[in-house]
Amino acid sequence: MINPKVSHWLPPRPGQSLAGADRPAGDHLCWPFLPGQQGQWLASLEQAGKLRRPVLPRECTHNAHMYYILLPNLQQRTHFIEGLKAKNILSVFHYIPLHSSPRGQQVGRTVGDMTHTNQTSDRLVRLPLSLGLEEHLTDGITQVMAAA
């Protein structure tokens, strides 16, 4: 369940109260693959070495504003994103490290060769998130990941 104190919810119209009675319960906002929900296929794919899931300490709850996975390498990440796109499912790589960005190269500085940062950036993919993520989308994600 999403903690309503940290969820990113806005009222549907200007001036509507943010009082507890007007705020959604939050369960329907959870990404459907979070632990304890429909996510057991992720555990089996992780055990098979196809991906790595986020590590969430026991005392924390996932706020579900995004869900990422780490794939083994850039080639597999690219293949995974292309496979989803072929099924009309949009997923993107998550970020470009600051030291690699145009502005970061102009004004930034690094210590070391940034190997781990670069490798993590190459492996990271953000899975799609939407309210009421349809089952055919979750099935498509499962099929592409299992085939990778």
N, C-alpha and C. Protein backbone atom coordinates (compact mmCIF):
# COMPACT_ATOMS: atom_id res chain seq x y z
N MET A 1 0.84 -1.18 0.00
CA MET A 1 0.00 0.00 0.00
C MET A 1 0.88 1.24 0.00
N ILE A 2 0.50 2.23 -0.74
CA ILE A 2 1.22 3.50 -0.77
C ILE A 2 0.93 4.28 0.49
N ASN A 3 1.94 4.87 1.04
CA ASN A 3 1.75 5.76 2.18
C ASN A 3 1.16 7.06 1.65
N PRO A 4 -0.09 7.43 2.01
CA PRO A 4 -0.71 8.62 1.44
C PRO A 4 0.04 9.90 1.78
N LYS A 5 0.88 9.87 2.80
CA LYS A 5 1.63 11.07 3.15
C LYS A 5 2.73 11.37 2.14
N VAL A 6 3.15 10.35 1.39
CA VAL A 6 4.23 10.56 0.43
C VAL A 6 3.83 10.28 -1.00
N SER A 7 2.57 9.90 -1.23
CA SER A 7 2.16 9.65 -2.61
C SER A 7 2.03 10.96 -3.36
N HIS A 8 2.17 10.90 -4.67
CA HIS A 8 2.11 12.09 -5.51
C HIS A 8 0.71 12.23 -6.08
N TRP A 9 -0.22 12.64 -5.25
CA TRP A 9 -1.61 12.76 -5.68
C TRP A 9 -2.00 14.21 -5.64
N LEU A 10 -2.70 14.66 -6.66
CA LEU A 10 -3.23 16.02 -6.71
C LEU A 10 -4.73 15.95 -6.84
N PRO A 11 -5.45 16.94 -6.31
CA PRO A 11 -6.90 16.94 -6.47
C PRO A 11 -7.27 17.05 -7.94
N PRO A 12 -8.42 16.47 -8.34
CA PRO A 12 -8.79 16.49 -9.75
C PRO A 12 -9.22 17.84 -10.27
N ARG A 13 -9.54 18.79 -9.41
CA ARG A 13 -9.93 20.11 -9.89
C ARG A 13 -9.42 21.17 -8.91
N PRO A 14 -9.15 22.38 -9.41
CA PRO A 14 -8.65 23.45 -8.54
C PRO A 14 -9.60 23.73 -7.39
N GLY A 15 -9.06 23.94 -6.23
CA GLY A 15 -9.85 24.30 -5.07
C GLY A 15 -10.41 23.13 -4.30
N GLN A 16 -10.29 21.92 -4.82
CA GLN A 16 -10.82 20.77 -4.08
C GLN A 16 -9.95 20.54 -2.85
N SER A 17 -10.58 20.14 -1.79
CA SER A 17 -9.90 19.94 -0.52
C SER A 17 -8.91 18.77 -0.61
N LEU A 18 -7.84 18.89 0.15
CA LEU A 18 -6.90 17.78 0.28
C LEU A 18 -7.17 17.00 1.55
N ALA A 19 -8.32 17.23 2.18
CA ALA A 19 -8.67 16.52 3.41
C ALA A 19 -8.71 15.02 3.14
N GLY A 20 -8.49 14.25 4.18
CA GLY A 20 -8.42 12.80 4.04
C GLY A 20 -9.59 12.17 3.33
N ALA A 21 -10.79 12.70 3.50
CA ALA A 21 -11.97 12.11 2.86
C ALA A 21 -11.92 12.27 1.35
N ASP A 22 -11.21 13.27 0.85
CA ASP A 22 -11.13 13.51 -0.59
C ASP A 22 -9.96 12.79 -1.25
N ARG A 23 -9.05 12.29 -0.45
CA ARG A 23 -7.84 11.68 -0.99
C ARG A 23 -8.10 10.20 -1.27
N PRO A 24 -7.63 9.67 -2.40
CA PRO A 24 -7.85 8.24 -2.67
C PRO A 24 -7.10 7.39 -1.66
N ALA A 25 -7.59 6.19 -1.46
CA ALA A 25 -6.98 5.29 -0.48
C ALA A 25 -5.55 4.95 -0.85
N GLY A 26 -5.24 4.90 -2.11
CA GLY A 26 -3.86 4.67 -2.53
C GLY A 26 -3.58 3.30 -3.08
N ASP A 27 -4.36 2.28 -2.69
CA ASP A 27 -4.06 0.93 -3.16
C ASP A 27 -4.07 0.83 -4.68
N HIS A 28 -4.98 1.53 -5.34
CA HIS A 28 -5.07 1.42 -6.80
C HIS A 28 -3.93 2.13 -7.50
N LEU A 29 -3.14 2.91 -6.76
CA LEU A 29 -2.01 3.61 -7.36
C LEU A 29 -0.74 2.76 -7.38
N CYS A 30 -0.74 1.66 -6.64
CA CYS A 30 0.45 0.82 -6.56
C CYS A 30 0.77 0.19 -7.90
N TRP A 31 2.04 0.14 -8.19
CA TRP A 31 2.47 -0.53 -9.40
C TRP A 31 2.20 -2.01 -9.20
N PRO A 32 1.61 -2.70 -10.16
CA PRO A 32 1.12 -4.05 -9.91
C PRO A 32 2.19 -5.11 -9.66
N PHE A 33 3.46 -4.79 -9.84
CA PHE A 33 4.48 -5.80 -9.63
C PHE A 33 5.21 -5.64 -8.31
N LEU A 34 4.69 -4.83 -7.42
CA LEU A 34 5.35 -4.65 -6.15
C LEU A 34 5.27 -5.92 -5.31
N PRO A 35 6.23 -6.13 -4.41
CA PRO A 35 6.21 -7.34 -3.59
C PRO A 35 4.87 -7.50 -2.89
N GLY A 36 4.41 -8.75 -2.80
CA GLY A 36 3.15 -9.03 -2.13
C GLY A 36 1.95 -8.87 -3.04
N GLN A 37 2.18 -8.46 -4.27
CA GLN A 37 1.07 -8.34 -5.21
C GLN A 37 1.28 -9.35 -6.32
N GLN A 38 1.40 -8.90 -7.57
CA GLN A 38 1.52 -9.82 -8.69
C GLN A 38 2.97 -10.06 -9.10
N GLY A 39 3.92 -9.74 -8.26
CA GLY A 39 5.30 -9.69 -8.69
C GLY A 39 6.13 -10.95 -8.58
N GLN A 40 5.53 -12.10 -8.37
CA GLN A 40 6.34 -13.29 -8.22
C GLN A 40 7.10 -13.66 -9.48
N TRP A 41 6.60 -13.30 -10.65
CA TRP A 41 7.34 -13.58 -11.88
C TRP A 41 8.65 -12.84 -11.90
N LEU A 42 8.72 -11.67 -11.27
CA LEU A 42 9.99 -10.95 -11.21
C LEU A 42 11.00 -11.71 -10.37
N ALA A 43 10.55 -12.32 -9.28
CA ALA A 43 11.46 -13.09 -8.43
C ALA A 43 12.05 -14.26 -9.20
N SER A 44 11.23 -14.96 -9.98
CA SER A 44 11.76 -16.10 -10.73
C SER A 44 12.71 -15.65 -11.83
N LEU A 45 12.42 -14.52 -12.47
CA LEU A 45 13.33 -13.99 -13.49
C LEU A 45 14.63 -13.51 -12.87
N GLU A 46 14.55 -12.97 -11.66
CA GLU A 46 15.77 -12.56 -10.96
C GLU A 46 16.60 -13.78 -10.60
N GLN A 47 15.97 -14.83 -10.11
CA GLN A 47 16.69 -16.06 -9.76
C GLN A 47 17.33 -16.70 -10.99
N ALA A 48 16.72 -16.50 -12.15
CA ALA A 48 17.28 -17.04 -13.40
C ALA A 48 18.40 -16.15 -13.96
N GLY A 49 18.69 -15.03 -13.29
CA GLY A 49 19.77 -14.15 -13.72
C GLY A 49 19.40 -13.21 -14.85
N LYS A 50 18.10 -13.06 -15.14
CA LYS A 50 17.68 -12.19 -16.24
C LYS A 50 17.56 -10.73 -15.83
N LEU A 51 17.42 -10.45 -14.55
CA LEU A 51 17.27 -9.08 -14.09
C LEU A 51 17.60 -9.00 -12.61
N ARG A 52 17.70 -7.77 -12.14
CA ARG A 52 17.82 -7.53 -10.71
C ARG A 52 16.75 -6.53 -10.32
N ARG A 53 16.03 -6.82 -9.26
CA ARG A 53 14.97 -5.94 -8.77
C ARG A 53 15.53 -4.95 -7.75
N PRO A 54 14.79 -3.88 -7.47
CA PRO A 54 15.21 -2.96 -6.42
C PRO A 54 15.26 -3.66 -5.07
N VAL A 55 16.17 -3.23 -4.23
CA VAL A 55 16.26 -3.75 -2.87
C VAL A 55 15.56 -2.74 -1.97
N LEU A 56 14.57 -3.20 -1.24
CA LEU A 56 13.78 -2.34 -0.38
C LEU A 56 13.92 -2.82 1.06
N PRO A 57 14.51 -2.01 1.94
CA PRO A 57 14.65 -2.44 3.34
C PRO A 57 13.28 -2.76 3.95
N ARG A 58 13.26 -3.73 4.88
CA ARG A 58 12.01 -4.17 5.50
C ARG A 58 11.22 -3.04 6.14
N GLU A 59 11.91 -2.07 6.70
CA GLU A 59 11.22 -1.00 7.41
C GLU A 59 10.66 0.08 6.48
N CYS A 60 10.83 -0.10 5.18
CA CYS A 60 10.37 0.89 4.21
C CYS A 60 9.23 0.34 3.36
N THR A 61 8.47 1.25 2.78
CA THR A 61 7.45 0.86 1.81
C THR A 61 7.78 1.55 0.50
N HIS A 62 7.44 0.90 -0.59
CA HIS A 62 7.70 1.45 -1.91
C HIS A 62 6.64 2.50 -2.21
N ASN A 63 7.04 3.68 -2.69
CA ASN A 63 6.04 4.71 -2.98
C ASN A 63 5.46 4.56 -4.38
N ALA A 64 5.98 3.63 -5.15
CA ALA A 64 5.42 3.24 -6.45
C ALA A 64 5.33 4.36 -7.46
N HIS A 65 6.12 5.42 -7.32
CA HIS A 65 6.07 6.45 -8.36
C HIS A 65 6.80 5.98 -9.61
N MET A 66 7.61 4.97 -9.46
CA MET A 66 8.27 4.33 -10.60
C MET A 66 8.76 2.97 -10.14
N TYR A 67 9.04 2.12 -11.09
CA TYR A 67 9.61 0.81 -10.77
C TYR A 67 10.66 0.51 -11.83
N TYR A 68 11.85 0.19 -11.39
CA TYR A 68 12.94 -0.07 -12.33
C TYR A 68 13.45 -1.48 -12.14
N ILE A 69 14.15 -1.95 -13.15
CA ILE A 69 14.90 -3.20 -13.05
C ILE A 69 16.27 -2.96 -13.66
N LEU A 70 17.22 -3.76 -13.24
CA LEU A 70 18.56 -3.75 -13.83
C LEU A 70 18.70 -5.00 -14.68
N LEU A 71 19.02 -4.80 -15.94
CA LEU A 71 19.27 -5.91 -16.85
C LEU A 71 20.77 -6.18 -16.90
N PRO A 72 21.20 -7.32 -17.41
CA PRO A 72 22.62 -7.66 -17.36
C PRO A 72 23.56 -6.70 -18.09
N ASN A 73 23.10 -6.09 -19.20
CA ASN A 73 23.99 -5.21 -19.95
C ASN A 73 23.18 -4.31 -20.88
N LEU A 74 23.86 -3.39 -21.54
CA LEU A 74 23.21 -2.43 -22.44
C LEU A 74 22.51 -3.14 -23.60
N GLN A 75 23.13 -4.15 -24.17
CA GLN A 75 22.53 -4.86 -25.30
C GLN A 75 21.19 -5.49 -24.89
N GLN A 76 21.14 -6.12 -23.73
CA GLN A 76 19.89 -6.75 -23.29
C GLN A 76 18.85 -5.70 -22.91
N ARG A 77 19.30 -4.59 -22.34
CA ARG A 77 18.35 -3.51 -22.04
C ARG A 77 17.73 -2.98 -23.33
N THR A 78 18.56 -2.73 -24.33
CA THR A 78 18.07 -2.22 -25.62
C THR A 78 17.10 -3.21 -26.25
N HIS A 79 17.45 -4.49 -26.23
CA HIS A 79 16.59 -5.53 -26.79
C HIS A 79 15.25 -5.58 -26.04
N PHE A 80 15.28 -5.46 -24.73
CA PHE A 80 14.07 -5.48 -23.91
C PHE A 80 13.16 -4.30 -24.25
N ILE A 81 13.71 -3.09 -24.31
CA ILE A 81 12.92 -1.90 -24.64
C ILE A 81 12.33 -2.02 -26.04
N GLU A 82 13.12 -2.52 -26.99
CA GLU A 82 12.61 -2.71 -28.36
C GLU A 82 11.51 -3.77 -28.40
N GLY A 83 11.66 -4.83 -27.61
CA GLY A 83 10.63 -5.87 -27.56
C GLY A 83 9.31 -5.33 -27.01
N LEU A 84 9.41 -4.48 -25.99
CA LEU A 84 8.19 -3.86 -25.45
C LEU A 84 7.56 -2.94 -26.49
N LYS A 85 8.41 -2.16 -27.17
CA LYS A 85 7.90 -1.23 -28.18
C LYS A 85 7.15 -1.98 -29.28
N ALA A 86 7.64 -3.16 -29.66
CA ALA A 86 6.97 -3.96 -30.68
C ALA A 86 5.58 -4.40 -30.23
N LYS A 87 5.36 -4.42 -28.91
CA LYS A 87 4.05 -4.75 -28.36
C LYS A 87 3.27 -3.49 -27.96
N ASN A 88 3.74 -2.34 -28.45
CA ASN A 88 3.11 -1.04 -28.14
C ASN A 88 3.11 -0.73 -26.65
N ILE A 89 4.20 -1.10 -25.97
CA ILE A 89 4.37 -0.79 -24.55
C ILE A 89 5.58 0.13 -24.44
N LEU A 90 5.36 1.31 -23.91
CA LEU A 90 6.45 2.29 -23.78
C LEU A 90 7.21 2.07 -22.48
N SER A 91 8.49 1.90 -22.60
CA SER A 91 9.39 1.83 -21.46
C SER A 91 10.66 2.54 -21.87
N VAL A 92 11.35 3.14 -20.93
CA VAL A 92 12.52 3.94 -21.27
C VAL A 92 13.68 3.58 -20.35
N PHE A 93 14.89 3.91 -20.84
CA PHE A 93 16.02 3.81 -19.92
C PHE A 93 15.85 4.95 -18.93
N HIS A 94 16.38 4.79 -17.76
CA HIS A 94 15.97 5.69 -16.69
C HIS A 94 16.71 7.02 -16.65
N TYR A 95 17.99 7.03 -16.82
CA TYR A 95 18.70 8.30 -16.69
C TYR A 95 20.04 8.28 -17.41
N ILE A 96 20.53 9.47 -17.64
CA ILE A 96 21.89 9.66 -18.13
C ILE A 96 22.67 10.25 -16.97
N PRO A 97 23.78 9.64 -16.59
CA PRO A 97 24.54 10.18 -15.46
C PRO A 97 24.92 11.64 -15.70
N LEU A 98 24.90 12.42 -14.65
CA LEU A 98 25.18 13.84 -14.75
C LEU A 98 26.53 14.10 -15.42
N HIS A 99 27.54 13.31 -15.07
CA HIS A 99 28.87 13.57 -15.65
C HIS A 99 28.88 13.33 -17.17
N SER A 100 27.90 12.59 -17.69
CA SER A 100 27.81 12.33 -19.13
C SER A 100 26.94 13.33 -19.87
N SER A 101 26.14 14.09 -19.13
CA SER A 101 25.22 15.04 -19.77
C SER A 101 26.01 16.21 -20.35
N PRO A 102 25.45 16.89 -21.34
CA PRO A 102 26.16 18.05 -21.91
C PRO A 102 26.56 19.08 -20.84
N ARG A 103 25.64 19.42 -19.95
CA ARG A 103 25.96 20.42 -18.93
C ARG A 103 26.98 19.87 -17.92
N GLY A 104 26.84 18.61 -17.58
CA GLY A 104 27.79 17.99 -16.66
C GLY A 104 29.20 17.98 -17.23
N GLN A 105 29.32 17.77 -18.53
CA GLN A 105 30.63 17.79 -19.16
C GLN A 105 31.21 19.19 -19.20
N GLN A 106 30.34 20.21 -19.27
CA GLN A 106 30.82 21.59 -19.31
C GLN A 106 31.30 22.07 -17.94
N VAL A 107 30.54 21.79 -16.90
CA VAL A 107 30.84 22.40 -15.60
C VAL A 107 31.15 21.39 -14.50
N GLY A 108 30.93 20.11 -14.75
CA GLY A 108 31.13 19.12 -13.71
C GLY A 108 32.56 18.64 -13.61
N ARG A 109 32.77 17.84 -12.59
CA ARG A 109 34.07 17.18 -12.44
C ARG A 109 33.82 15.83 -11.79
N THR A 110 34.66 14.89 -12.07
CA THR A 110 34.52 13.56 -11.51
C THR A 110 35.82 13.14 -10.86
N VAL A 111 35.72 12.18 -9.99
CA VAL A 111 36.89 11.56 -9.40
C VAL A 111 36.82 10.09 -9.80
N GLY A 112 37.80 9.62 -10.51
CA GLY A 112 37.78 8.24 -10.98
C GLY A 112 37.16 8.15 -12.36
N ASP A 113 37.00 6.91 -12.82
CA ASP A 113 36.53 6.71 -14.19
C ASP A 113 35.02 6.51 -14.29
N MET A 114 34.29 6.49 -13.18
CA MET A 114 32.83 6.38 -13.15
C MET A 114 32.34 5.06 -13.75
N THR A 115 33.14 4.01 -13.67
CA THR A 115 32.79 2.71 -14.25
C THR A 115 31.45 2.20 -13.74
N HIS A 116 31.25 2.19 -12.43
CA HIS A 116 30.02 1.64 -11.87
C HIS A 116 28.80 2.47 -12.24
N THR A 117 28.96 3.79 -12.23
CA THR A 117 27.86 4.67 -12.62
C THR A 117 27.47 4.43 -14.07
N ASN A 118 28.46 4.36 -14.95
CA ASN A 118 28.19 4.14 -16.37
C ASN A 118 27.55 2.77 -16.61
N GLN A 119 28.06 1.73 -15.95
CA GLN A 119 27.50 0.39 -16.13
C GLN A 119 26.06 0.32 -15.61
N THR A 120 25.80 0.95 -14.48
CA THR A 120 24.44 0.94 -13.94
C THR A 120 23.50 1.69 -14.87
N SER A 121 23.93 2.82 -15.38
CA SER A 121 23.11 3.58 -16.33
C SER A 121 22.78 2.74 -17.56
N ASP A 122 23.74 1.97 -18.03
CA ASP A 122 23.52 1.12 -19.22
C ASP A 122 22.53 -0.01 -18.96
N ARG A 123 22.36 -0.40 -17.70
CA ARG A 123 21.54 -1.56 -17.36
C ARG A 123 20.14 -1.20 -16.86
N LEU A 124 19.92 0.04 -16.50
CA LEU A 124 18.70 0.46 -15.82
C LEU A 124 17.58 0.75 -16.81
N VAL A 125 16.40 0.19 -16.54
CA VAL A 125 15.22 0.46 -17.36
C VAL A 125 14.03 0.70 -16.43
N ARG A 126 13.25 1.70 -16.76
CA ARG A 126 12.06 2.03 -15.98
C ARG A 126 10.87 1.35 -16.64
N LEU A 127 10.16 0.56 -15.87
CA LEU A 127 8.98 -0.12 -16.40
C LEU A 127 7.80 0.85 -16.44
N PRO A 128 6.85 0.61 -17.35
CA PRO A 128 5.72 1.54 -17.48
C PRO A 128 4.86 1.57 -16.22
N LEU A 129 4.32 2.73 -15.95
CA LEU A 129 3.47 2.92 -14.78
C LEU A 129 2.25 3.70 -15.22
N SER A 130 1.09 3.20 -14.89
CA SER A 130 -0.14 3.94 -15.15
C SER A 130 -1.20 3.45 -14.20
N LEU A 131 -2.18 4.31 -13.95
CA LEU A 131 -3.30 3.89 -13.13
C LEU A 131 -4.03 2.78 -13.87
N GLY A 132 -4.34 1.71 -13.16
CA GLY A 132 -5.06 0.61 -13.78
C GLY A 132 -4.29 -0.03 -14.92
N LEU A 133 -3.01 -0.27 -14.72
CA LEU A 133 -2.18 -0.89 -15.75
C LEU A 133 -2.85 -2.18 -16.23
N GLU A 134 -3.24 -2.19 -17.48
CA GLU A 134 -4.03 -3.29 -18.00
C GLU A 134 -3.24 -4.59 -18.00
N GLU A 135 -3.98 -5.69 -17.83
CA GLU A 135 -3.35 -7.00 -17.74
C GLU A 135 -2.59 -7.36 -19.01
N HIS A 136 -3.07 -6.93 -20.19
CA HIS A 136 -2.35 -7.26 -21.42
C HIS A 136 -0.98 -6.59 -21.45
N LEU A 137 -0.84 -5.44 -20.78
CA LEU A 137 0.47 -4.80 -20.70
C LEU A 137 1.40 -5.59 -19.80
N THR A 138 0.89 -6.02 -18.65
CA THR A 138 1.74 -6.79 -17.74
C THR A 138 2.11 -8.13 -18.38
N ASP A 139 1.18 -8.72 -19.11
CA ASP A 139 1.50 -9.97 -19.82
C ASP A 139 2.56 -9.73 -20.88
N GLY A 140 2.47 -8.61 -21.60
CA GLY A 140 3.46 -8.28 -22.62
C GLY A 140 4.84 -8.09 -22.03
N ILE A 141 4.90 -7.40 -20.90
CA ILE A 141 6.18 -7.20 -20.21
C ILE A 141 6.76 -8.55 -19.81
N THR A 142 5.92 -9.42 -19.27
CA THR A 142 6.36 -10.75 -18.86
C THR A 142 6.90 -11.54 -20.04
N GLN A 143 6.19 -11.52 -21.16
CA GLN A 143 6.62 -12.27 -22.35
C GLN A 143 7.97 -11.79 -22.88
N VAL A 144 8.13 -10.47 -22.96
CA VAL A 144 9.39 -9.92 -23.47
C VAL A 144 10.54 -10.25 -22.53
N MET A 145 10.31 -10.11 -21.23
CA MET A 145 11.38 -10.39 -20.27
C MET A 145 11.74 -11.87 -20.27
N ALA A 146 10.76 -12.73 -20.32
CA ALA A 146 11.04 -14.17 -20.32
C ALA A 146 11.80 -14.60 -21.57
N ALA A 147 11.56 -13.91 -22.68
CA ALA A 147 12.23 -14.25 -23.95
C ALA A 147 13.64 -13.68 -24.03
N ALA A 148 13.97 -12.75 -23.16
CA ALA A 148 15.28 -12.08 -23.23
C ALA A 148 16.42 -13.04 -22.93
